[in-house]
PDB file of N, CA and C in Angstrom:
ATOM      1  N   MET A   1       0.099 -12.909  33.197  1.00  0.00           N
ATOM      2  CA  MET A   1      -0.872 -12.121  33.920  1.00  0.00           C
ATOM      3  C   MET A   1      -1.380 -11.030  32.994  1.00  0.00           C
ATOM      4  N   ILE A   2      -2.664 -10.809  33.000  1.00  0.00           N
ATOM      5  CA  ILE A   2      -3.281  -9.791  32.169  1.00  0.00           C
ATOM      6  C   ILE A   2      -3.482  -8.552  33.013  1.00  0.00           C
ATOM      7  N   HIS A   3      -2.984  -7.426  32.517  1.00  0.00           N
ATOM      8  CA  HIS A   3      -3.139  -6.152  33.207  1.00  0.00           C
ATOM      9  C   HIS A   3      -4.519  -5.599  32.924  1.00  0.00           C
ATOM     10  N   GLU A   4      -5.217  -5.215  33.974  1.00  0.00           N
ATOM     11  CA  GLU A   4      -6.495  -4.555  33.809  1.00  0.00           C
ATOM     12  C   GLU A   4      -6.394  -3.190  34.441  1.00  0.00           C
ATOM     13  N   SER A   5      -6.762  -2.178  33.708  1.00  0.00           N
ATOM     14  CA  SER A   5      -6.690  -0.815  34.209  1.00  0.00           C
ATOM     15  C   SER A   5      -7.742  -0.605  35.278  1.00  0.00           C
ATOM     16  N   ARG A   6      -7.320  -0.129  36.419  1.00  0.00           N
ATOM     17  CA  ARG A   6      -8.243   0.220  37.502  1.00  0.00           C
ATOM     18  C   ARG A   6      -8.213   1.731  37.733  1.00  0.00           C
ATOM     19  N   ASP A   7      -7.567   2.468  36.842  1.00  0.00           N
ATOM     20  CA  ASP A   7      -7.447   3.907  36.976  1.00  0.00           C
ATOM     21  C   ASP A   7      -8.737   4.554  36.498  1.00  0.00           C
ATOM     22  N   VAL A   8      -9.640   4.835  37.449  1.00  0.00           N
ATOM     23  CA  VAL A   8     -10.944   5.362  37.071  1.00  0.00           C
ATOM     24  C   VAL A   8     -10.862   6.821  36.671  1.00  0.00           C
ATOM     25  N   THR A   9      -9.754   7.499  36.974  1.00  0.00           N
ATOM     26  CA  THR A   9      -9.612   8.900  36.585  1.00  0.00           C
ATOM     27  C   THR A   9      -9.121   9.031  35.162  1.00  0.00           C
ATOM     28  N   ALA A  10      -8.567   7.968  34.616  1.00  0.00           N
ATOM     29  CA  ALA A  10      -8.072   8.009  33.244  1.00  0.00           C
ATOM     30  C   ALA A  10      -9.245   7.992  32.279  1.00  0.00           C
ATOM     31  N   THR A  11      -9.098   8.709  31.207  1.00  0.00           N
ATOM     32  CA  THR A  11     -10.122   8.671  30.176  1.00  0.00           C
ATOM     33  C   THR A  11      -9.959   7.379  29.401  1.00  0.00           C
ATOM     34  N   PRO A  12     -11.011   6.921  28.719  1.00  0.00           N
ATOM     35  CA  PRO A  12     -10.889   5.686  27.952  1.00  0.00           C
ATOM     36  C   PRO A  12      -9.727   5.733  26.960  1.00  0.00           C
ATOM     37  N   ALA A  13      -9.402   6.917  26.448  1.00  0.00           N
ATOM     38  CA  ALA A  13      -8.344   7.016  25.456  1.00  0.00           C
ATOM     39  C   ALA A  13      -6.960   6.866  26.070  1.00  0.00           C
ATOM     40  N   THR A  14      -6.813   7.112  27.383  1.00  0.00           N
ATOM     41  CA  THR A  14      -5.491   7.009  27.996  1.00  0.00           C
ATOM     42  C   THR A  14      -5.280   5.688  28.722  1.00  0.00           C
ATOM     43  N   ARG A  15      -6.300   4.882  28.840  1.00  0.00           N
ATOM     44  CA  ARG A  15      -6.128   3.561  29.443  1.00  0.00           C
ATOM     45  C   ARG A  15      -5.414   2.664  28.439  1.00  0.00           C
ATOM     46  N   PRO A  16      -4.628   1.714  28.913  1.00  0.00           N
ATOM     47  CA  PRO A  16      -3.977   0.797  27.963  1.00  0.00           C
ATOM     48  C   PRO A  16      -5.023   0.026  27.163  1.00  0.00           C
ATOM     49  N   ARG A  17      -4.809  -0.077  25.856  1.00  0.00           N
ATOM     50  CA  ARG A  17      -5.717  -0.820  24.988  1.00  0.00           C
ATOM     51  C   ARG A  17      -5.135  -2.200  24.747  1.00  0.00           C
ATOM     52  N   LEU A  18      -5.914  -3.230  25.045  1.00  0.00           N
ATOM     53  CA  LEU A  18      -5.522  -4.597  24.735  1.00  0.00           C
ATOM     54  C   LEU A  18      -5.602  -4.763  23.231  1.00  0.00           C
ATOM     55  N   LEU A  19      -4.480  -5.100  22.626  1.00  0.00           N
ATOM     56  CA  LEU A  19      -4.421  -5.242  21.176  1.00  0.00           C
ATOM     57  C   LEU A  19      -4.836  -6.655  20.755  1.00  0.00           C
ATOM     58  N   PRO A  20      -5.286  -6.824  19.512  1.00  0.00           N
ATOM     59  CA  PRO A  20      -5.784  -8.133  19.070  1.00  0.00           C
ATOM     60  C   PRO A  20      -4.683  -9.101  18.652  1.00  0.00           C
ATOM     61  N   TRP A  21      -3.494  -8.944  19.191  1.00  0.00           N
ATOM     62  CA  TRP A  21      -2.402  -9.877  18.927  1.00  0.00           C
ATOM     63  C   TRP A  21      -1.556 -10.003  20.183  1.00  0.00           C
ATOM     64  N   SER A  22      -0.718 -11.027  20.213  1.00  0.00           N
ATOM     65  CA  SER A  22       0.177 -11.290  21.340  1.00  0.00           C
ATOM     66  C   SER A  22       1.609 -11.086  20.898  1.00  0.00           C
ATOM     67  N   ASN A  23       2.511 -11.003  21.890  1.00  0.00           N
ATOM     68  CA  ASN A  23       3.925 -10.913  21.533  1.00  0.00           C
ATOM     69  C   ASN A  23       4.455 -12.317  21.226  1.00  0.00           C
ATOM     70  N   LEU A  24       5.725 -12.429  20.937  1.00  0.00           N
ATOM     71  CA  LEU A  24       6.306 -13.720  20.544  1.00  0.00           C
ATOM     72  C   LEU A  24       6.212 -14.775  21.643  1.00  0.00           C
ATOM     73  N   ASP A  25       6.121 -14.324  22.908  1.00  0.00           N
ATOM     74  CA  ASP A  25       5.988 -15.262  24.023  1.00  0.00           C
ATOM     75  C   ASP A  25       4.542 -15.629  24.322  1.00  0.00           C
ATOM     76  N   GLY A  26       3.610 -15.079  23.546  1.00  0.00           N
ATOM     77  CA  GLY A  26       2.193 -15.359  23.759  1.00  0.00           C
ATOM     78  C   GLY A  26       1.538 -14.453  24.775  1.00  0.00           C
ATOM     79  N   ASN A  27       2.258 -13.449  25.249  1.00  0.00           N
ATOM     80  CA  ASN A  27       1.698 -12.514  26.227  1.00  0.00           C
ATOM     81  C   ASN A  27       0.925 -11.407  25.518  1.00  0.00           C
ATOM     82  N   PRO A  28      -0.076 -10.849  26.195  1.00  0.00           N
ATOM     83  CA  PRO A  28      -0.870  -9.791  25.568  1.00  0.00           C
ATOM     84  C   PRO A  28      -0.038  -8.543  25.306  1.00  0.00           C
ATOM     85  N   CYS A  29      -0.422  -7.817  24.274  1.00  0.00           N
ATOM     86  CA  CYS A  29       0.202  -6.541  23.940  1.00  0.00           C
ATOM     87  C   CYS A  29      -0.794  -5.430  24.219  1.00  0.00           C
ATOM     88  N   TYR A  30      -0.280  -4.324  24.706  1.00  0.00           N
ATOM     89  CA  TYR A  30      -1.110  -3.174  25.023  1.00  0.00           C
ATOM     90  C   TYR A  30      -0.577  -1.939  24.312  1.00  0.00           C
ATOM     91  N   LEU A  31      -1.484  -1.032  24.025  1.00  0.00           N
ATOM     92  CA  LEU A  31      -1.139   0.243  23.426  1.00  0.00           C
ATOM     93  C   LEU A  31      -1.543   1.327  24.401  1.00  0.00           C
ATOM     94  N   VAL A  32      -0.582   2.173  24.769  1.00  0.00           N
ATOM     95  CA  VAL A  32      -0.866   3.310  25.626  1.00  0.00           C
ATOM     96  C   VAL A  32      -0.691   4.548  24.766  1.00  0.00           C
ATOM     97  N   THR A  33      -1.780   5.274  24.580  1.00  0.00           N
ATOM     98  CA  THR A  33      -1.747   6.445  23.721  1.00  0.00           C
ATOM     99  C   THR A  33      -2.847   7.400  24.120  1.00  0.00           C
ATOM    100  N   ASP A  34      -2.719   8.615  23.701  1.00  0.00           N
ATOM    101  CA  ASP A  34      -3.795   9.584  23.919  1.00  0.00           C
ATOM    102  C   ASP A  34      -4.338  10.080  22.580  1.00  0.00           C
ATOM    103  N   ASP A  35      -4.177   9.235  21.552  1.00  0.00           N
ATOM    104  CA  ASP A  35      -4.602   9.635  20.207  1.00  0.00           C
ATOM    105  C   ASP A  35      -6.096   9.412  19.971  1.00  0.00           C
ATOM    106  N   THR A  36      -6.837   9.050  21.001  1.00  0.00           N
ATOM    107  CA  THR A  36      -8.279   8.780  20.935  1.00  0.00           C
ATOM    108  C   THR A  36      -8.649   7.808  19.819  1.00  0.00           C
ATOM    109  N   GLY A  37      -7.758   6.878  19.550  1.00  0.00           N
ATOM    110  CA  GLY A  37      -8.057   5.834  18.580  1.00  0.00           C
ATOM    111  C   GLY A  37      -7.849   6.234  17.134  1.00  0.00           C
ATOM    112  N   THR A  38      -7.162   7.328  16.891  1.00  0.00           N
ATOM    113  CA  THR A  38      -6.987   7.795  15.516  1.00  0.00           C
ATOM    114  C   THR A  38      -5.593   7.529  14.969  1.00  0.00           C
ATOM    115  N   GLY A  39      -4.693   7.040  15.795  1.00  0.00           N
ATOM    116  CA  GLY A  39      -3.326   6.776  15.342  1.00  0.00           C
ATOM    117  C   GLY A  39      -3.250   5.546  14.449  1.00  0.00           C
ATOM    118  N   ARG A  40      -2.110   5.407  13.801  1.00  0.00           N
ATOM    119  CA  ARG A  40      -1.917   4.308  12.855  1.00  0.00           C
ATOM    120  C   ARG A  40      -2.067   2.942  13.521  1.00  0.00           C
ATOM    121  N   LEU A  41      -1.465   2.758  14.701  1.00  0.00           N
ATOM    122  CA  LEU A  41      -1.553   1.461  15.377  1.00  0.00           C
ATOM    123  C   LEU A  41      -2.979   1.181  15.860  1.00  0.00           C
ATOM    124  N   SER A  42      -3.672   2.213  16.318  1.00  0.00           N
ATOM    125  CA  SER A  42      -5.075   2.039  16.725  1.00  0.00           C
ATOM    126  C   SER A  42      -5.935   1.633  15.537  1.00  0.00           C
ATOM    127  N   ARG A  43      -5.714   2.281  14.406  1.00  0.00           N
ATOM    128  CA  ARG A  43      -6.495   1.937  13.204  1.00  0.00           C
ATOM    129  C   ARG A  43      -6.182   0.522  12.743  1.00  0.00           C
ATOM    130  N   LEU A  44      -4.911   0.111  12.818  1.00  0.00           N
ATOM    131  CA  LEU A  44      -4.538  -1.257  12.444  1.00  0.00           C
ATOM    132  C   LEU A  44      -5.232  -2.258  13.366  1.00  0.00           C
ATOM    133  N   ALA A  45      -5.244  -1.977  14.659  1.00  0.00           N
ATOM    134  CA  ALA A  45      -5.919  -2.868  15.610  1.00  0.00           C
ATOM    135  C   ALA A  45      -7.412  -2.944  15.298  1.00  0.00           C
ATOM    136  N   ASP A  46      -8.030  -1.810  14.960  1.00  0.00           N
ATOM    137  CA  ASP A  46      -9.453  -1.807  14.595  1.00  0.00           C
ATOM    138  C   ASP A  46      -9.703  -2.674  13.365  1.00  0.00           C
ATOM    139  N   GLU A  47      -8.826  -2.570  12.372  1.00  0.00           N
ATOM    140  CA  GLU A  47      -8.970  -3.357  11.142  1.00  0.00           C
ATOM    141  C   GLU A  47      -8.827  -4.847  11.423  1.00  0.00           C
ATOM    142  N   ILE A  48      -7.865  -5.210  12.246  1.00  0.00           N
ATOM    143  CA  ILE A  48      -7.654  -6.628  12.574  1.00  0.00           C
ATOM    144  C   ILE A  48      -8.848  -7.162  13.363  1.00  0.00           C
ATOM    145  N   GLU A  49      -9.363  -6.369  14.300  1.00  0.00           N
ATOM    146  CA  GLU A  49     -10.557  -6.794  15.040  1.00  0.00           C
ATOM    147  C   GLU A  49     -11.731  -7.017  14.093  1.00  0.00           C
ATOM    148  N   ALA A  50     -11.895  -6.133  13.123  1.00  0.00           N
ATOM    149  CA  ALA A  50     -13.002  -6.281  12.162  1.00  0.00           C
ATOM    150  C   ALA A  50     -12.844  -7.569  11.360  1.00  0.00           C
ATOM    151  N   VAL A  51     -11.619  -7.886  10.954  1.00  0.00           N
ATOM    152  CA  VAL A  51     -11.369  -9.135  10.217  1.00  0.00           C
ATOM    153  C   VAL A  51     -11.672 -10.331  11.109  1.00  0.00           C
ATOM    154  N   GLN A  52     -11.210 -10.285  12.362  1.00  0.00           N
ATOM    155  CA  GLN A  52     -11.450 -11.402  13.280  1.00  0.00           C
ATOM    156  C   GLN A  52     -12.939 -11.613  13.518  1.00  0.00           C
ATOM    157  N   LEU A  53     -13.693 -10.527  13.695  1.00  0.00           N
ATOM    158  CA  LEU A  53     -15.137 -10.663  13.907  1.00  0.00           C
ATOM    159  C   LEU A  53     -15.830 -11.200  12.658  1.00  0.00           C
ATOM    160  N   GLY A  54     -15.392 -10.760  11.493  1.00  0.00           N
ATOM    161  CA  GLY A  54     -15.959 -11.274  10.247  1.00  0.00           C
ATOM    162  C   GLY A  54     -15.675 -12.750  10.060  1.00  0.00           C
ATOM    163  N   MET A  55     -14.444 -13.167  10.380  1.00  0.00           N
ATOM    164  CA  MET A  55     -14.087 -14.583  10.257  1.00  0.00           C
ATOM    165  C   MET A  55     -14.890 -15.428  11.242  1.00  0.00           C
ATOM    166  N   ALA A  56     -15.095 -14.917  12.454  1.00  0.00           N
ATOM    167  CA  ALA A  56     -15.893 -15.653  13.442  1.00  0.00           C
ATOM    168  C   ALA A  56     -17.331 -15.809  12.960  1.00  0.00           C
ATOM    169  N   ASP A  57     -17.861 -14.765  12.359  1.00  0.00           N
ATOM    170  CA  ASP A  57     -19.224 -14.825  11.822  1.00  0.00           C
ATOM    171  C   ASP A  57     -19.325 -15.860  10.696  1.00  0.00           C
ATOM    172  N   ASP A  58     -18.351 -15.849   9.788  1.00  0.00           N
ATOM    173  CA  ASP A  58     -18.338 -16.837   8.702  1.00  0.00           C
ATOM    174  C   ASP A  58     -18.232 -18.254   9.255  1.00  0.00           C
ATOM    175  N   LEU A  59     -17.396 -18.424  10.280  1.00  0.00           N
ATOM    176  CA  LEU A  59     -17.192 -19.740  10.871  1.00  0.00           C
ATOM    177  C   LEU A  59     -18.484 -20.255  11.514  1.00  0.00           C
ATOM    178  N   LEU A  60     -19.252 -19.365  12.126  1.00  0.00           N
ATOM    179  CA  LEU A  60     -20.531 -19.785  12.713  1.00  0.00           C
ATOM    180  C   LEU A  60     -21.462 -20.349  11.649  1.00  0.00           C
ATOM    181  N   GLY A  61     -21.504 -19.706  10.498  1.00  0.00           N
ATOM    182  CA  GLY A  61     -22.326 -20.218   9.403  1.00  0.00           C
ATOM    183  C   GLY A  61     -21.862 -21.589   8.946  1.00  0.00           C
ATOM    184  N   HIS A  62     -20.544 -21.758   8.841  1.00  0.00           N
ATOM    185  CA  HIS A  62     -19.991 -23.059   8.451  1.00  0.00           C
ATOM    186  C   HIS A  62     -20.302 -24.112   9.516  1.00  0.00           C
ATOM    187  N   ALA A  63     -20.231 -23.717  10.790  1.00  0.00           N
ATOM    188  CA  ALA A  63     -20.496 -24.663  11.882  1.00  0.00           C
ATOM    189  C   ALA A  63     -21.936 -25.160  11.825  1.00  0.00           C
ATOM    190  N   VAL A  64     -22.860 -24.251  11.563  1.00  0.00           N
ATOM    191  CA  VAL A  64     -24.275 -24.651  11.470  1.00  0.00           C
ATOM    192  C   VAL A  64     -24.448 -25.674  10.351  1.00  0.00           C
ATOM    193  N   ASP A  65     -23.813 -25.411   9.215  1.00  0.00           N
ATOM    194  CA  ASP A  65     -23.922 -26.340   8.079  1.00  0.00           C
ATOM    195  C   ASP A  65     -23.305 -27.696   8.409  1.00  0.00           C
ATOM    196  N   LEU A  66     -22.105 -27.691   8.971  1.00  0.00           N
ATOM    197  CA  LEU A  66     -21.408 -28.947   9.254  1.00  0.00           C
ATOM    198  C   LEU A  66     -22.130 -29.753  10.331  1.00  0.00           C
ATOM    199  N   LEU A  67     -22.625 -29.062  11.350  1.00  0.00           N
ATOM    200  CA  LEU A  67     -23.335 -29.782  12.417  1.00  0.00           C
ATOM    201  C   LEU A  67     -24.657 -30.367  11.928  1.00  0.00           C
ATOM    202  N   GLY A  68     -25.226 -29.801  10.881  1.00  0.00           N
ATOM    203  CA  GLY A  68     -26.455 -30.330  10.307  1.00  0.00           C
ATOM    204  C   GLY A  68     -26.218 -31.456   9.315  1.00  0.00           C
ATOM    205  N   ASP A  69     -24.958 -31.700   8.990  1.00  0.00           N
ATOM    206  CA  ASP A  69     -24.605 -32.739   8.021  1.00  0.00           C
ATOM    207  C   ASP A  69     -24.368 -34.055   8.759  1.00  0.00           C
ATOM    208  N   THR A  70     -25.219 -35.027   8.530  1.00  0.00           N
ATOM    209  CA  THR A  70     -25.091 -36.320   9.222  1.00  0.00           C
ATOM    210  C   THR A  70     -23.870 -37.108   8.751  1.00  0.00           C
ATOM    211  N   ARG A  71     -23.259 -36.680   7.658  1.00  0.00           N
ATOM    212  CA  ARG A  71     -22.068 -37.383   7.155  1.00  0.00           C
ATOM    213  C   ARG A  71     -20.762 -36.781   7.681  1.00  0.00           C
ATOM    214  N   ALA A  72     -20.858 -35.746   8.527  1.00  0.00           N
ATOM    215  CA  ALA A  72     -19.654 -35.108   9.073  1.00  0.00           C
ATOM    216  C   ALA A  72     -18.876 -36.133   9.899  1.00  0.00           C
ATOM    217  N   THR A  73     -17.574 -36.158   9.695  1.00  0.00           N
ATOM    218  CA  THR A  73     -16.722 -37.129  10.396  1.00  0.00           C
ATOM    219  C   THR A  73     -16.199 -36.538  11.704  1.00  0.00           C
ATOM    220  N   ALA A  74     -15.721 -37.411  12.556  1.00  0.00           N
ATOM    221  CA  ALA A  74     -15.158 -36.975  13.838  1.00  0.00           C
ATOM    222  C   ALA A  74     -13.981 -36.022  13.636  1.00  0.00           C
ATOM    223  N   PRO A  75     -13.040 -36.304  12.710  1.00  0.00           N
ATOM    224  CA  PRO A  75     -11.950 -35.335  12.492  1.00  0.00           C
ATOM    225  C   PRO A  75     -12.455 -33.972  12.024  1.00  0.00           C
ATOM    226  N   GLN A  76     -13.480 -33.948  11.188  1.00  0.00           N
ATOM    227  CA  GLN A  76     -14.040 -32.673  10.742  1.00  0.00           C
ATOM    228  C   GLN A  76     -14.630 -31.895  11.921  1.00  0.00           C
ATOM    229  N   LEU A  77     -15.331 -32.611  12.790  1.00  0.00           N
ATOM    230  CA  LEU A  77     -15.947 -31.962  13.940  1.00  0.00           C
ATOM    231  C   LEU A  77     -14.901 -31.484  14.945  1.00  0.00           C
ATOM    232  N   ARG A  78     -13.823 -32.262  15.126  1.00  0.00           N
ATOM    233  CA  ARG A  78     -12.740 -31.820  16.011  1.00  0.00           C
ATOM    234  C   ARG A  78     -12.070 -30.569  15.461  1.00  0.00           C
ATOM    235  N   TYR A  79     -11.852 -30.533  14.151  1.00  0.00           N
ATOM    236  CA  TYR A  79     -11.246 -29.367  13.525  1.00  0.00           C
ATOM    237  C   TYR A  79     -12.171 -28.153  13.678  1.00  0.00           C
ATOM    238  N   LEU A  80     -13.467 -28.366  13.475  1.00  0.00           N
ATOM    239  CA  LEU A  80     -14.438 -27.295  13.661  1.00  0.00           C
ATOM    240  C   LEU A  80     -14.386 -26.776  15.097  1.00  0.00           C
ATOM    241  N   ALA A  81     -14.335 -27.679  16.060  1.00  0.00           N
ATOM    242  CA  ALA A  81     -14.283 -27.272  17.463  1.00  0.00           C
ATOM    243  C   ALA A  81     -13.022 -26.454  17.746  1.00  0.00           C
ATOM    244  N   ALA A  82     -11.889 -26.849  17.183  1.00  0.00           N
ATOM    245  CA  ALA A  82     -10.650 -26.096  17.380  1.00  0.00           C
ATOM    246  C   ALA A  82     -10.758 -24.702  16.770  1.00  0.00           C
ATOM    247  N   CYS A  83     -11.334 -24.613  15.581  1.00  0.00           N
ATOM    248  CA  CYS A  83     -11.510 -23.305  14.925  1.00  0.00           C
ATOM    249  C   CYS A  83     -12.477 -22.430  15.704  1.00  0.00           C
ATOM    250  N   LEU A  84     -13.555 -23.021  16.221  1.00  0.00           N
ATOM    251  CA  LEU A  84     -14.511 -22.260  17.018  1.00  0.00           C
ATOM    252  C   LEU A  84     -13.874 -21.757  18.305  1.00  0.00           C
ATOM    253  N   ALA A  85     -13.044 -22.579  18.936  1.00  0.00           N
ATOM    254  CA  ALA A  85     -12.363 -22.158  20.162  1.00  0.00           C
ATOM    255  C   ALA A  85     -11.425 -20.983  19.880  1.00  0.00           C
ATOM    256  N   GLU A  86     -10.708 -21.034  18.777  1.00  0.00           N
ATOM    257  CA  GLU A  86      -9.811 -19.943  18.411  1.00  0.00           C
ATOM    258  C   GLU A  86     -10.605 -18.660  18.124  1.00  0.00           C
ATOM    259  N   ALA A  87     -11.712 -18.790  17.416  1.00  0.00           N
ATOM    260  CA  ALA A  87     -12.545 -17.630  17.106  1.00  0.00           C
ATOM    261  C   ALA A  87     -13.150 -17.051  18.384  1.00  0.00           C
ATOM    262  N   LEU A  88     -13.578 -17.913  19.292  1.00  0.00           N
ATOM    263  CA  LEU A  88     -14.142 -17.441  20.555  1.00  0.00           C
ATOM    264  C   LEU A  88     -13.085 -16.703  21.366  1.00  0.00           C
ATOM    265  N   HIS A  89     -11.871 -17.205  21.357  1.00  0.00           N
ATOM    266  CA  HIS A  89     -10.762 -16.521  22.037  1.00  0.00           C
ATOM    267  C   HIS A  89     -10.589 -15.107  21.474  1.00  0.00           C
ATOM    268  N   ASP A  90     -10.594 -14.986  20.151  1.00  0.00           N
ATOM    269  CA  ASP A  90     -10.436 -13.674  19.512  1.00  0.00           C
ATOM    270  C   ASP A  90     -11.578 -12.735  19.879  1.00  0.00           C
ATOM    271  N   VAL A  91     -12.807 -13.234  19.809  1.00  0.00           N
ATOM    272  CA  VAL A  91     -13.972 -12.408  20.098  1.00  0.00           C
ATOM    273  C   VAL A  91     -13.968 -11.989  21.573  1.00  0.00           C
ATOM    274  N   HIS A  92     -13.578 -12.889  22.451  1.00  0.00           N
ATOM    275  CA  HIS A  92     -13.508 -12.572  23.876  1.00  0.00           C
ATOM    276  C   HIS A  92     -12.458 -11.485  24.125  1.00  0.00           C
ATOM    277  N   ARG A  93     -11.332 -11.586  23.469  1.00  0.00           N
ATOM    278  CA  ARG A  93     -10.264 -10.593  23.612  1.00  0.00           C
ATOM    279  C   ARG A  93     -10.750  -9.219  23.131  1.00  0.00           C
ATOM    280  N   ILE A  94     -11.467  -9.199  22.012  1.00  0.00           N
ATOM    281  CA  ILE A  94     -12.009  -7.943  21.485  1.00  0.00           C
ATOM    282  C   ILE A  94     -13.011  -7.348  22.482  1.00  0.00           C
ATOM    283  N   ALA A  95     -13.870  -8.183  23.034  1.00  0.00           N
ATOM    284  CA  ALA A  95     -14.863  -7.707  24.003  1.00  0.00           C
ATOM    285  C   ALA A  95     -14.180  -7.134  25.243  1.00  0.00           C
ATOM    286  N   ARG A  96     -13.150  -7.818  25.740  1.00  0.00           N
ATOM    287  CA  ARG A  96     -12.410  -7.309  26.904  1.00  0.00           C
ATOM    288  C   ARG A  96     -11.741  -5.985  26.574  1.00  0.00           C
ATOM    289  N   SER A  97     -11.142  -5.893  25.401  1.00  0.00           N
ATOM    290  CA  SER A  97     -10.460  -4.675  24.993  1.00  0.00           C
ATOM    291  C   SER A  97     -11.436  -3.514  24.900  1.00  0.00           C
ATOM    292  N   ARG A  98     -12.554  -3.742  24.251  1.00  0.00           N
ATOM    293  CA  ARG A  98     -13.537  -2.664  24.077  1.00  0.00           C
ATOM    294  C   ARG A  98     -14.205  -2.312  25.397  1.00  0.00           C
ATOM    295  N   GLY A  99     -14.481  -3.314  26.207  1.00  0.00           N
ATOM    296  CA  GLY A  99     -15.095  -3.052  27.509  1.00  0.00           C
ATOM    297  C   GLY A  99     -14.197  -2.245  28.423  1.00  0.00           C
ATOM    298  N   ALA A 100     -12.900  -2.502  28.370  1.00  0.00           N
ATOM    299  CA  ALA A 100     -11.956  -1.772  29.213  1.00  0.00           C
ATOM    300  C   ALA A 100     -11.840  -0.310  28.804  1.00  0.00           C
ATOM    301  N   ARG A 101     -12.226  -0.005  27.582  1.00  0.00           N
ATOM    302  CA  ARG A 101     -12.132   1.378  27.098  1.00  0.00           C
ATOM    303  C   ARG A 101     -13.424   2.159  27.294  1.00  0.00           C
ATOM    304  N   LEU A 102     -14.460   1.515  27.812  1.00  0.00           N
ATOM    305  CA  LEU A 102     -15.705   2.226  28.089  1.00  0.00           C
ATOM    306  C   LEU A 102     -15.517   3.127  29.301  1.00  0.00           C
ATOM    307  N   PRO A 103     -16.146   4.290  29.295  1.00  0.00           N
ATOM    308  CA  PRO A 103     -16.038   5.155  30.464  1.00  0.00           C
ATOM    309  C   PRO A 103     -16.751   4.525  31.658  1.00  0.00           C
ATOM    310  N   VAL A 104     -16.228   4.767  32.841  1.00  0.00           N
ATOM    311  CA  VAL A 104     -16.838   4.261  34.064  1.00  0.00           C
ATOM    312  C   VAL A 104     -17.893   5.263  34.502  1.00  0.00           C
ATOM    313  N   PRO A 105     -19.158   4.822  34.638  1.00  0.00           N
ATOM    314  CA  PRO A 105     -20.207   5.751  35.063  1.00  0.00           C
ATOM    315  C   PRO A 105     -19.922   6.300  36.455  1.00  0.00           C
ATOM    316  N   PRO A 106     -20.257   7.552  36.709  1.00  0.00           N
ATOM    317  CA  PRO A 106     -20.050   8.116  38.051  1.00  0.00           C
ATOM    318  C   PRO A 106     -20.763   7.276  39.100  1.00  0.00           C
ATOM    319  N   GLY A 107     -20.087   7.051  40.209  1.00  0.00           N
ATOM    320  CA  GLY A 107     -20.666   6.261  41.288  1.00  0.00           C
ATOM    321  C   GLY A 107     -20.332   4.791  41.209  1.00  0.00           C
ATOM    322  N   ASP A 108     -19.797   4.317  40.071  1.00  0.00           N
ATOM    323  CA  ASP A 108     -19.451   2.906  39.922  1.00  0.00           C
ATOM    324  C   ASP A 108     -17.975   2.641  40.190  1.00  0.00           C
ATOM    325  N   GLU A 109     -17.210   3.665  40.563  1.00  0.00           N
ATOM    326  CA  GLU A 109     -15.774   3.491  40.768  1.00  0.00           C
ATOM    327  C   GLU A 109     -15.473   2.453  41.841  1.00  0.00           C
ATOM    328  N   GLU A 110     -16.279   2.450  42.938  1.00  0.00           N
ATOM    329  CA  GLU A 110     -16.019   1.499  44.023  1.00  0.00           C
ATOM    330  C   GLU A 110     -16.305   0.070  43.597  1.00  0.00           C
ATOM    331  N   ASP A 111     -17.155  -0.149  42.603  1.00  0.00           N
ATOM    332  CA  ASP A 111     -17.471  -1.498  42.139  1.00  0.00           C
ATOM    333  C   ASP A 111     -16.301  -2.138  41.400  1.00  0.00           C
ATOM    334  N   LEU A 112     -15.354  -1.336  40.891  1.00  0.00           N
ATOM    335  CA  LEU A 112     -14.214  -1.884  40.164  1.00  0.00           C
ATOM    336  C   LEU A 112     -13.353  -2.767  41.048  1.00  0.00           C
ATOM    337  N   ASP A 113     -13.270  -2.425  42.346  1.00  0.00           N
ATOM    338  CA  ASP A 113     -12.459  -3.230  43.253  1.00  0.00           C
ATOM    339  C   ASP A 113     -13.099  -4.576  43.553  1.00  0.00           C
ATOM    340  N   ALA A 114     -14.397  -4.716  43.328  1.00  0.00           N
ATOM    341  CA  ALA A 114     -15.098  -5.967  43.615  1.00  0.00           C
ATOM    342  C   ALA A 114     -14.946  -6.984  42.495  1.00  0.00           C
ATOM    343  N   VAL A 115     -14.517  -6.554  41.307  1.00  0.00           N
ATOM    344  CA  VAL A 115     -14.372  -7.462  40.170  1.00  0.00           C
ATOM    345  C   VAL A 115     -13.008  -8.125  40.249  1.00  0.00           C
ATOM    346  N   PRO A 116     -12.926  -9.471  40.303  1.00  0.00           N
ATOM    347  CA  PRO A 116     -11.631 -10.143  40.374  1.00  0.00           C
ATOM    348  C   PRO A 116     -10.846  -9.956  39.083  1.00  0.00           C
ATOM    349  N   GLU A 117      -9.522 -10.088  39.191  1.00  0.00           N
ATOM    350  CA  GLU A 117      -8.676  -9.956  38.005  1.00  0.00           C
ATOM    351  C   GLU A 117      -9.098 -10.978  36.967  1.00  0.00           C
ATOM    352  N   GLY A 118      -9.171 -10.557  35.735  1.00  0.00           N
ATOM    353  CA  GLY A 118      -9.632 -11.430  34.650  1.00  0.00           C
ATOM    354  C   GLY A 118     -11.099 -11.235  34.356  1.00  0.00           C
ATOM    355  N   GLY A 119     -11.789 -10.462  35.204  1.00  0.00           N
ATOM    356  CA  GLY A 119     -13.185 -10.161  34.937  1.00  0.00           C
ATOM    357  C   GLY A 119     -14.120 -11.013  35.743  1.00  0.00           C
ATOM    358  N   PRO A 120     -15.407 -10.747  35.647  1.00  0.00           N
ATOM    359  CA  PRO A 120     -16.397 -11.514  36.389  1.00  0.00           C
ATOM    360  C   PRO A 120     -16.411 -12.978  35.951  1.00  0.00           C
ATOM    361  N   GLY A 121     -16.587 -13.844  36.914  1.00  0.00           N
ATOM    362  CA  GLY A 121     -16.688 -15.271  36.594  1.00  0.00           C
ATOM    363  C   GLY A 121     -15.354 -15.974  36.468  1.00  0.00           C
ATOM    364  N   ASN A 122     -14.239 -15.272  36.638  1.00  0.00           N
ATOM    365  CA  ASN A 122     -12.911 -15.913  36.539  1.00  0.00           C
ATOM    366  C   ASN A 122     -12.328 -16.134  37.901  1.00  0.00           C
TER     367      ASN A 122
END
């Protein structure tokens, strides 16, 4: 189960931050801190997110090239699909993490209860 902060009184810096890695059991890891993103673990998470986004961007370029190659084999395309799925998972996790840290605009607090766990569309 993924924990989503519904504490609208908490500042973005005090809400749990979804980290870009999982624990040994594959469960999400969270960071609870009031360091406003300046602590060592926050900076490490920022660096890992930047690497993941860069790798996803590079992979998109490779995907365009491979999909345009009429000689691409089925195993190559399956491997590409697996890599794209992994990159999409990383990018989605980063988006959820960053979105959860955005401040809630005044008047939108009641809308938080209308969003199902896991976010819209889940």
